[in-house]
Amino acid sequence: MNDRTGLRAGKLAPDLLRDLLGDGTDLPTEVQLGPALGEDACAIAVDAGTLVAATDPITLTGSEVGGHAVHINANDVAVMGVAPRWFLAAVMLPVGTREATVRALFDGMRAVLREVGACLVGGHTEVTDAVTQPVVVGQMLGLATDAEVVATGGARPGDAIVQVGPTPVEGAAVLALEAAERLGSLSPTQRERARGAIRDPGISVVRPALLAARHGAHSLHDPTEGGIATGLAEIAAASGVRLVVREDEVAWFEPGVEVCRAVGADPWGTLASGALLAAFGPDDVAAALDALGAADFEAHVIGEASPGSGLVGSDGAALPVFARDEVSRVLEDIGRAAGNDPSRNRSR
């Protein structure tokens, strides 16, 4: 690995991350699912069942950072088929933060906790010159008492790959805020829909993930950084299968696509929180689609799992792979053009 230029903003390269996480052979026996590429939560056997825990940091401007941290961490627990229940938050605030800002951050956090059925049980808060904007490192926990957890790496050859909800939702909202000066080609209506995408259509996948788990999902995954393409690739890699994707069947959030077009981003690689990917066996997929549709979730088959490896389109050609999220790339380009420190342009 060439280390002369340093690491860029965004996820670590898969090969580096795989090396850092190890092969799990040193984990104690109670760890049912440990750190692994594509897995966003762990599963630990306890007397009452299986404890599922996830952690993710959020860096955003504005008071919505608290609620956003809840959504992202709740999603990571729910895609294991487990309801999120307990939340801890380490909140770091820049020097000079006003009391009203902190109150708004916690109000937003508690509002989303009520929405997903969880509660704040602990954490840490401080003001520090180590950050230049609010940072919330969240930890969400849930407990499975009567069912096995669902892993990203559970897809099997013959499974149907289902997308629930459109993409890119989170990317639309972040770019509409951070790259607003480049959206001159968008209509006022499209701008407003993109800015409000965190709330409508929203980025929570808790309800559809739990419903999918109850209907026999072999694999669940919420694509985030690197977009839906990376989410699909992570399912393929974690499961040891080849995913064949019907590109024309992917559901797109039109304001997000328009924002991407305006700023020069590829929607396939743009922050995709708000969408859910699920793998169902041939005997379960029809009933699962009916159940999701009856609950008012837009869901349809976008591909199949087959023996092999990798991610390909319906014509057999490899789909694009994104070494980093398109939001990070675009904001870095904007920072450079403006003569700013690109490392401060962060989406999450």
Protein backbone atom coordinates (compact mmCIF):
# COMPACT_ATOMS: atom_id res chain seq x y z
CA MET A 1 0.00 0.00 0.00
CA ASN A 2 1.31 3.45 -0.96
CA ASP A 3 1.20 5.58 2.22
CA ARG A 4 2.86 8.71 0.87
CA THR A 5 -0.33 10.68 0.19
CA GLY A 6 -2.28 9.73 3.31
CA LEU A 7 -5.88 8.63 3.59
CA ARG A 8 -8.79 10.48 2.01
CA ALA A 9 -12.14 11.31 3.61
CA GLY A 10 -14.66 8.46 3.65
CA LYS A 11 -14.54 4.72 4.26
CA LEU A 12 -11.25 2.89 4.45
CA ALA A 13 -10.32 0.80 1.44
CA PRO A 14 -11.88 -2.69 1.77
CA ASP A 15 -8.53 -4.52 1.75
CA LEU A 16 -7.11 -2.28 4.49
CA LEU A 17 -10.27 -2.56 6.59
CA ARG A 18 -10.29 -6.35 6.22
CA ASP A 19 -6.70 -6.49 7.47
CA LEU A 20 -7.49 -4.24 10.44
CA LEU A 21 -10.57 -6.20 11.50
CA GLY A 22 -8.82 -9.58 11.40
CA ASP A 23 -10.40 -12.96 10.79
CA GLY A 24 -12.29 -13.27 14.08
CA THR A 25 -10.36 -16.29 15.31
CA ASP A 26 -9.34 -14.46 18.50
CA LEU A 27 -12.91 -13.62 19.55
CA PRO A 28 -14.50 -15.28 22.62
CA THR A 29 -17.21 -17.87 21.99
CA GLU A 30 -20.08 -15.61 23.03
CA VAL A 31 -19.45 -13.34 20.01
CA GLN A 32 -21.82 -14.69 17.37
CA LEU A 33 -20.99 -11.97 14.83
CA GLY A 34 -17.91 -9.80 15.20
CA PRO A 35 -16.32 -7.09 13.07
CA ALA A 36 -16.44 -7.92 9.37
CA LEU A 37 -16.56 -6.15 6.05
CA GLY A 38 -20.16 -5.18 5.28
CA GLU A 39 -21.48 -5.89 8.79
CA ASP A 40 -22.56 -2.77 10.67
CA ALA A 41 -23.41 -4.36 14.03
CA CYS A 42 -22.17 -7.13 16.29
CA ALA A 43 -24.10 -9.94 17.97
CA ILE A 44 -23.15 -11.22 21.42
CA ALA A 45 -24.78 -14.14 23.24
CA VAL A 46 -26.06 -13.19 26.72
CA ASP A 47 -28.27 -15.05 29.18
CA ALA A 48 -31.42 -13.29 27.94
CA GLY A 49 -30.75 -13.93 24.24
CA THR A 50 -28.56 -12.09 21.74
CA LEU A 51 -27.36 -8.54 22.32
CA VAL A 52 -26.93 -6.56 19.10
CA ALA A 53 -24.89 -3.35 19.18
CA ALA A 54 -23.81 -0.78 16.59
CA THR A 55 -21.85 2.47 16.66
CA ASP A 56 -21.49 5.25 14.11
CA PRO A 57 -20.28 8.87 14.28
CA ILE A 58 -22.22 11.71 12.66
CA THR A 59 -20.77 15.09 11.72
CA LEU A 60 -23.29 17.53 10.30
CA THR A 61 -23.96 21.22 10.64
CA GLY A 62 -27.19 22.25 12.35
CA SER A 63 -29.33 20.86 15.14
CA GLU A 64 -30.36 17.73 13.18
CA VAL A 65 -27.09 15.96 13.98
CA GLY A 66 -28.59 14.39 17.12
CA GLY A 67 -31.60 12.89 15.39
CA HIS A 68 -29.46 11.82 12.46
CA ALA A 69 -27.15 9.89 14.79
CA VAL A 70 -30.14 8.02 16.20
CA HIS A 71 -31.47 7.11 12.75
CA ILE A 72 -28.15 5.81 11.44
CA ASN A 73 -27.40 3.68 14.49
CA ALA A 74 -30.98 2.43 14.79
CA ASN A 75 -30.84 1.30 11.16
CA ASP A 76 -27.68 -0.69 11.83
CA VAL A 77 -29.37 -2.63 14.63
CA ALA A 78 -32.68 -3.08 12.80
CA VAL A 79 -31.01 -4.65 9.75
CA MET A 80 -29.97 -7.46 12.07
CA GLY A 81 -33.69 -8.11 12.53
CA VAL A 82 -33.65 -6.65 16.06
CA ALA A 83 -35.58 -3.66 17.40
CA PRO A 84 -33.35 -0.79 18.62
CA ARG A 85 -33.91 -0.16 22.34
CA TRP A 86 -31.06 1.64 24.13
CA PHE A 87 -28.97 4.56 22.85
CA LEU A 88 -25.77 6.13 24.15
CA ALA A 89 -24.26 9.29 22.69
CA ALA A 90 -20.84 10.90 22.98
CA VAL A 91 -21.49 14.53 21.98
CA MET A 92 -18.54 16.81 21.20
CA LEU A 93 -19.23 20.48 20.55
CA PRO A 94 -16.95 23.25 19.28
CA VAL A 95 -15.95 26.08 21.57
CA GLY A 96 -18.51 28.87 21.42
CA THR A 97 -21.52 26.60 20.88
CA ARG A 98 -24.66 28.27 22.25
CA GLU A 99 -26.86 26.64 24.85
CA ALA A 100 -29.85 26.86 22.51
CA THR A 101 -27.93 24.78 19.94
CA VAL A 102 -27.23 22.04 22.47
CA ARG A 103 -30.86 21.97 23.58
CA ALA A 104 -32.03 21.71 19.97
CA LEU A 105 -29.56 18.87 19.34
CA PHE A 106 -30.90 16.86 22.30
CA ASP A 107 -34.53 17.70 21.47
CA GLY A 108 -33.96 16.30 17.97
CA MET A 109 -32.25 13.23 19.39
CA ARG A 110 -35.14 12.46 21.74
CA ALA A 111 -37.76 13.04 19.05
CA VAL A 112 -36.18 10.41 16.80
CA LEU A 113 -35.66 8.04 19.73
CA ARG A 114 -39.41 8.16 20.36
CA GLU A 115 -40.00 7.53 16.66
CA VAL A 116 -37.87 4.36 16.57
CA GLY A 117 -38.95 3.10 20.00
CA ALA A 118 -35.64 3.54 21.81
CA CYS A 119 -34.40 5.67 24.72
CA LEU A 120 -31.27 7.56 25.74
CA VAL A 121 -29.50 5.66 28.52
CA GLY A 122 -26.08 7.28 28.75
CA GLY A 123 -23.10 8.86 27.05
CA HIS A 124 -20.82 11.87 27.41
CA THR A 125 -21.01 15.56 26.41
CA GLU A 126 -18.20 18.10 26.21
CA VAL A 127 -17.10 21.31 24.53
CA THR A 128 -13.69 20.97 22.91
CA ASP A 129 -11.42 22.75 20.44
CA ALA A 130 -10.72 19.35 18.85
CA VAL A 131 -13.83 19.76 16.68
CA THR A 132 -15.05 22.57 14.45
CA GLN A 133 -18.67 21.39 14.20
CA PRO A 134 -20.87 19.13 16.35
CA VAL A 135 -19.89 15.45 16.40
CA VAL A 136 -22.20 12.79 17.81
CA VAL A 137 -20.84 9.28 18.21
CA GLY A 138 -23.86 7.09 18.79
CA GLN A 139 -24.16 3.54 20.10
CA MET A 140 -27.45 1.67 19.70
CA LEU A 141 -28.28 -1.65 21.34
CA GLY A 142 -31.09 -4.14 20.96
CA LEU A 143 -31.91 -7.58 22.34
CA ALA A 144 -33.13 -10.61 20.39
CA THR A 145 -34.81 -13.07 22.73
CA ASP A 146 -36.64 -15.45 20.41
CA ALA A 147 -35.12 -15.20 16.93
CA GLU A 148 -31.80 -15.49 15.17
CA VAL A 149 -30.15 -12.29 14.00
CA VAL A 150 -29.94 -11.52 10.28
CA ALA A 151 -26.45 -10.78 8.92
CA THR A 152 -25.43 -8.92 5.79
CA GLY A 153 -23.53 -12.06 4.81
CA GLY A 154 -26.58 -14.32 4.75
CA ALA A 155 -27.56 -14.12 1.06
CA ARG A 156 -27.65 -17.47 -0.75
CA PRO A 157 -27.54 -18.48 -4.42
CA GLY A 158 -31.08 -18.33 -5.78
CA ASP A 159 -32.16 -15.51 -3.47
CA ALA A 160 -34.07 -12.53 -4.85
CA ILE A 161 -32.53 -9.16 -4.00
CA VAL A 162 -35.19 -6.65 -2.95
CA GLN A 163 -34.84 -2.88 -2.67
CA VAL A 164 -37.13 -1.08 -0.21
CA GLY A 165 -37.30 2.70 -0.62
CA PRO A 166 -35.55 4.89 -3.20
CA THR A 167 -31.99 6.19 -3.37
CA PRO A 168 -30.08 8.50 -2.90
CA VAL A 169 -32.06 10.12 -0.07
CA GLU A 170 -29.37 11.06 2.45
CA GLY A 171 -27.00 12.13 -0.31
CA ALA A 172 -29.68 14.43 -1.72
CA ALA A 173 -30.11 16.20 1.60
CA VAL A 174 -26.39 16.58 2.33
CA LEU A 175 -25.52 17.87 -1.14
CA ALA A 176 -28.50 20.22 -1.19
CA LEU A 177 -27.11 21.77 2.00
CA GLU A 178 -23.37 21.64 1.40
CA ALA A 179 -23.31 22.27 -2.38
CA ALA A 180 -26.30 24.61 -2.68
CA GLU A 181 -24.41 27.03 -4.91
CA ARG A 182 -24.18 24.36 -7.62
CA LEU A 183 -27.90 23.64 -7.81
CA GLY A 184 -28.90 26.46 -10.14
CA SER A 185 -30.41 24.03 -12.66
CA LEU A 186 -32.89 22.62 -10.13
CA SER A 187 -36.43 23.94 -9.78
CA PRO A 188 -37.40 25.42 -6.39
CA THR A 189 -39.60 22.37 -5.80
CA GLN A 190 -36.76 19.92 -6.42
CA ARG A 191 -34.44 21.93 -4.16
CA GLU A 192 -36.93 21.85 -1.30
CA ARG A 193 -37.61 18.14 -1.71
CA ALA A 194 -33.87 17.45 -1.66
CA ARG A 195 -33.26 19.64 1.40
CA GLY A 196 -36.08 17.96 3.30
CA ALA A 197 -35.21 14.40 2.27
CA ILE A 198 -33.97 13.43 5.75
CA ARG A 199 -37.58 13.83 6.92
CA ASP A 200 -39.46 13.00 3.69
CA PRO A 201 -39.09 10.31 2.44
CA GLY A 202 -36.79 9.91 5.46
CA ILE A 203 -33.72 7.81 6.22
CA SER A 204 -35.09 5.34 8.76
CA VAL A 205 -35.34 1.70 7.65
CA VAL A 206 -36.23 0.33 11.08
CA ARG A 207 -39.83 -0.64 10.33
CA PRO A 208 -39.26 -2.26 6.92
CA ALA A 209 -36.13 -4.07 8.18
CA LEU A 210 -37.99 -5.63 11.11
CA LEU A 211 -40.89 -6.56 8.83
CA ALA A 212 -38.52 -8.13 6.29
CA ALA A 213 -36.83 -10.13 9.04
CA ARG A 214 -40.18 -11.50 10.18
CA HIS A 215 -40.84 -12.67 6.62
CA GLY A 216 -37.69 -14.71 6.32
CA ALA A 217 -35.00 -12.37 4.96
CA HIS A 218 -31.66 -14.18 4.66
CA SER A 219 -29.71 -10.91 4.46
CA LEU A 220 -30.49 -7.28 5.33
CA HIS A 221 -28.30 -4.27 4.66
CA ASP A 222 -28.75 -0.49 4.69
CA PRO A 223 -26.48 1.01 2.03
CA THR A 224 -24.79 4.17 3.29
CA GLU A 225 -21.40 5.50 2.19
CA GLY A 226 -20.57 4.49 -1.36
CA GLY A 227 -24.24 4.37 -2.29
CA ILE A 228 -26.42 1.50 -3.38
CA ALA A 229 -23.62 0.07 -5.53
CA THR A 230 -21.37 -0.32 -2.50
CA GLY A 231 -24.24 -1.72 -0.44
CA LEU A 232 -24.89 -4.39 -3.05
CA ALA A 233 -21.18 -5.14 -3.37
CA GLU A 234 -20.92 -5.53 0.42
CA ILE A 235 -23.75 -8.09 0.42
CA ALA A 236 -22.02 -10.01 -2.36
CA ALA A 237 -18.64 -9.97 -0.62
CA ALA A 238 -19.98 -10.78 2.85
CA SER A 239 -22.18 -13.61 1.53
CA GLY A 240 -19.70 -15.09 -0.93
CA VAL A 241 -22.15 -14.80 -3.84
CA ARG A 242 -22.44 -13.02 -7.16
CA LEU A 243 -25.21 -10.43 -7.41
CA VAL A 244 -26.83 -9.86 -10.79
CA VAL A 245 -28.60 -6.51 -10.72
CA ARG A 246 -31.36 -5.34 -13.05
CA GLU A 247 -30.26 -1.73 -13.40
CA ASP A 248 -33.61 -0.62 -14.85
CA GLU A 249 -35.45 -1.87 -11.77
CA VAL A 250 -33.52 0.22 -9.21
CA ALA A 251 -35.80 2.80 -7.57
CA TRP A 252 -34.38 6.32 -7.65
CA PHE A 253 -35.27 9.36 -5.54
CA GLU A 254 -35.71 11.81 -8.38
CA PRO A 255 -34.64 14.98 -6.49
CA GLY A 256 -31.52 13.09 -5.42
CA VAL A 257 -30.75 12.12 -9.00
CA GLU A 258 -31.24 15.74 -10.09
CA VAL A 259 -28.92 17.00 -7.34
CA CYS A 260 -26.30 14.46 -8.39
CA ARG A 261 -26.59 15.55 -12.00
CA ALA A 262 -26.18 19.21 -11.01
CA VAL A 263 -23.02 18.64 -8.95
CA GLY A 264 -21.46 15.94 -11.14
CA ALA A 265 -22.01 12.97 -8.81
CA ASP A 266 -22.98 9.43 -9.76
CA PRO A 267 -26.20 8.41 -7.92
CA TRP A 268 -24.99 4.79 -7.77
CA GLY A 269 -22.17 5.86 -5.42
CA THR A 270 -23.97 8.56 -3.41
CA LEU A 271 -24.92 8.27 0.29
CA ALA A 272 -27.90 5.94 0.31
CA SER A 273 -29.36 5.90 3.83
CA GLY A 274 -33.13 5.60 3.47
CA ALA A 275 -32.99 2.53 1.24
CA LEU A 276 -32.97 -1.08 2.46
CA LEU A 277 -31.57 -4.12 0.66
CA ALA A 278 -32.90 -7.59 1.49
CA ALA A 279 -32.34 -11.10 0.20
CA PHE A 280 -35.24 -13.58 0.22
CA GLY A 281 -35.46 -17.19 -0.84
CA PRO A 282 -37.67 -18.03 -3.84
CA ASP A 283 -40.41 -19.39 -1.57
CA ASP A 284 -40.53 -16.29 0.63
CA VAL A 285 -40.12 -13.32 -1.69
CA ALA A 286 -43.73 -12.99 -2.91
CA ALA A 287 -45.18 -12.98 0.60
CA ALA A 288 -42.50 -10.55 1.78
CA LEU A 289 -43.27 -8.13 -1.06
CA ASP A 290 -46.97 -8.34 -0.27
CA ALA A 291 -46.35 -7.62 3.41
CA LEU A 292 -44.05 -4.69 2.69
CA GLY A 293 -46.50 -3.26 0.17
CA ALA A 294 -49.42 -3.64 2.59
CA ALA A 295 -47.40 -1.59 5.09
CA ASP A 296 -46.95 1.16 2.45
CA PHE A 297 -43.30 0.44 1.74
CA GLU A 298 -42.18 0.63 -1.90
CA ALA A 299 -40.44 -2.70 -2.50
CA HIS A 300 -39.53 -4.71 -5.56
CA VAL A 301 -36.98 -7.21 -6.85
CA ILE A 302 -33.88 -5.63 -8.41
CA GLY A 303 -31.69 -8.69 -8.84
CA GLU A 304 -30.69 -12.21 -7.91
CA ALA A 305 -27.87 -13.94 -6.07
CA SER A 306 -25.99 -16.67 -7.89
CA PRO A 307 -22.86 -18.76 -7.29
CA GLY A 308 -19.63 -16.84 -7.76
CA SER A 309 -18.52 -13.40 -6.65
CA GLY A 310 -18.81 -9.74 -7.56
CA LEU A 311 -21.51 -7.37 -8.74
CA VAL A 312 -22.72 -7.35 -12.34
CA GLY A 313 -25.54 -5.89 -14.37
CA SER A 314 -28.17 -7.86 -16.23
CA ASP A 315 -25.86 -7.99 -19.27
CA GLY A 316 -23.08 -9.61 -17.22
CA ALA A 317 -20.85 -6.50 -17.23
CA ALA A 318 -19.35 -5.44 -13.91
CA LEU A 319 -21.16 -2.57 -12.21
CA PRO A 320 -19.14 0.45 -11.07
CA VAL A 321 -17.26 0.20 -7.79
CA PHE A 322 -16.75 3.35 -5.74
CA ALA A 323 -13.57 3.66 -3.73
CA ARG A 324 -15.21 6.51 -1.81
CA ASP A 325 -18.60 8.10 -1.53
CA GLU A 326 -19.52 10.58 -4.23
CA VAL A 327 -20.58 13.14 -1.61
CA SER A 328 -17.09 13.14 -0.10
CA ARG A 329 -15.52 13.46 -3.54
CA VAL A 330 -17.76 16.34 -4.63
CA LEU A 331 -17.35 18.28 -1.38
CA GLU A 332 -13.59 17.82 -1.53
CA ASP A 333 -13.58 19.17 -5.09
CA ILE A 334 -15.66 22.16 -3.98
CA GLY A 335 -13.31 22.80 -1.08
CA ARG A 336 -10.27 22.74 -3.34
CA ALA A 337 -11.91 25.09 -5.87
CA ALA A 338 -12.68 27.52 -3.06
CA GLY A 339 -9.17 27.24 -1.63
CA ASN A 340 -10.47 25.66 1.59
CA ASP A 341 -9.19 22.67 3.53
CA PRO A 342 -11.00 19.79 1.80
CA SER A 343 -10.79 17.63 4.89
CA ARG A 344 -13.38 19.89 6.54
CA ASN A 345 -15.99 19.06 3.93
CA ARG A 346 -17.60 16.11 5.60
CA SER A 347 -20.95 14.53 4.98
CA ARG A 348 -21.27 12.29 8.00
